[in-house]
Protein backbone atom coordinates (compact mmCIF):
# COMPACT_ATOMS: atom_id res chain seq x y z
CA UNK A 1 -31.11 0.36 14.55
CA UNK A 2 -33.22 2.21 17.35
CA UNK A 3 -35.40 4.48 15.07
CA UNK A 4 -38.79 4.63 15.20
CA UNK A 5 -41.28 5.41 12.65
CA UNK A 6 -41.04 8.82 13.31
CA UNK A 7 -37.49 9.54 13.62
CA UNK A 8 -37.54 7.11 10.14
CA UNK A 9 -40.00 9.53 8.28
CA UNK A 10 -38.01 12.08 9.33
CA UNK A 11 -34.58 10.62 8.10
CA UNK A 12 -36.54 9.97 5.04
CA UNK A 13 -36.93 13.56 4.37
CA UNK A 14 -33.82 14.90 4.86
CA UNK A 15 -32.48 12.65 2.02
CA UNK A 16 -35.27 13.38 -0.09
CA UNK A 17 -34.31 16.82 0.33
CA UNK A 18 -30.48 16.77 0.21
CA UNK A 19 -31.23 15.23 -3.48
CA UNK A 20 -33.48 17.27 -4.40
CA UNK A 21 -30.25 19.92 -3.24
CA UNK A 22 -27.87 17.82 -5.16
CA UNK A 23 -29.93 17.14 -8.41
CA UNK A 24 -31.15 20.78 -9.28
CA UNK A 25 -28.49 22.67 -7.55
CA UNK A 26 -25.56 21.18 -9.07
CA UNK A 27 -25.05 21.81 -12.85
CA UNK A 28 -23.90 18.16 -14.49
CA UNK A 29 -20.15 20.01 -14.52
CA UNK A 30 -19.53 20.46 -10.67
CA UNK A 31 -20.98 16.91 -10.33
CA UNK A 32 -18.25 15.56 -12.77
CA UNK A 33 -15.74 17.67 -10.95
CA UNK A 34 -16.70 16.34 -7.54
CA UNK A 35 -16.73 12.62 -8.66
CA UNK A 36 -13.14 13.92 -10.49
CA UNK A 37 -12.00 15.05 -6.87
CA UNK A 38 -13.84 11.92 -5.23
CA UNK A 39 -11.67 10.01 -7.68
CA UNK A 40 -8.25 11.53 -6.87
CA UNK A 41 -8.65 11.34 -2.62
CA UNK A 42 -9.69 7.52 -3.44
CA UNK A 43 -6.09 6.76 -5.56
CA UNK A 44 -4.32 8.79 -2.64
CA UNK A 45 -5.42 7.15 0.16
CA UNK A 46 -4.93 3.53 -1.86
CA UNK A 47 -2.95 2.15 0.38
CA UNK A 48 -4.61 3.06 3.78
CA UNK A 49 -7.95 1.52 2.21
CA UNK A 50 -6.06 -1.90 1.12
CA UNK A 51 -4.40 -2.01 4.64
CA UNK A 52 -8.08 -1.35 6.03
CA UNK A 53 -9.78 -3.99 3.44
CA UNK A 54 -6.76 -6.87 4.24
CA UNK A 55 -7.81 -6.68 7.85
CA UNK A 56 -11.58 -6.19 8.04
CA UNK A 57 -11.46 -9.08 4.85
CA UNK A 58 -8.22 -11.12 5.52
CA UNK A 59 -7.12 -10.26 1.71
CA UNK A 60 -3.77 -10.58 0.63
CA UNK A 61 -2.68 -6.53 -0.01
CA UNK A 62 -1.43 -6.84 -3.38
CA UNK A 63 -4.94 -7.84 -4.32
CA UNK A 64 -6.83 -5.17 -1.71
CA UNK A 65 -4.54 -2.60 -3.27
CA UNK A 66 -5.94 -3.58 -6.89
CA UNK A 67 -9.24 -3.99 -5.46
CA UNK A 68 -8.96 0.21 -4.54
CA UNK A 69 -7.63 1.14 -7.62
CA UNK A 70 -10.53 -0.80 -9.45
CA UNK A 71 -13.34 0.51 -7.56
CA UNK A 72 -12.11 3.71 -8.47
CA UNK A 73 -11.67 3.33 -11.81
CA UNK A 74 -15.77 3.47 -11.56
CA UNK A 75 -15.93 7.10 -10.48
CA UNK A 76 -13.37 8.41 -12.61
CA UNK A 77 -15.59 7.19 -15.82
CA UNK A 78 -18.68 8.48 -13.98
CA UNK A 79 -16.94 11.69 -13.76
CA UNK A 80 -15.66 11.60 -17.62
CA UNK A 81 -19.03 10.51 -18.10
CA UNK A 82 -20.94 13.39 -16.33
CA UNK A 83 -20.23 16.65 -18.38
CA UNK A 84 -22.28 14.44 -21.06
CA UNK A 85 -24.92 13.67 -19.23
CA UNK A 86 -28.23 13.63 -21.38
CA UNK A 87 -32.19 12.77 -20.21
């Protein structure tokens, strides 16, 4: 939006620091648990998210609910793969 070069550099540095902390400061199992909690939060908010999607996009509510659950399935998959991280 209204960011200049200096603000952009500060934002990039902050994002890099956050990534380094996340990457090296948490184990694969911890990241997996975080993703699992996120997955559960999305599922627990399915109705609210589906209503929002329907209002924003005009998508039928049943279709929006299915899309929320489908999207959440990716969080679940990555959460389950997390402890097996290699490389």
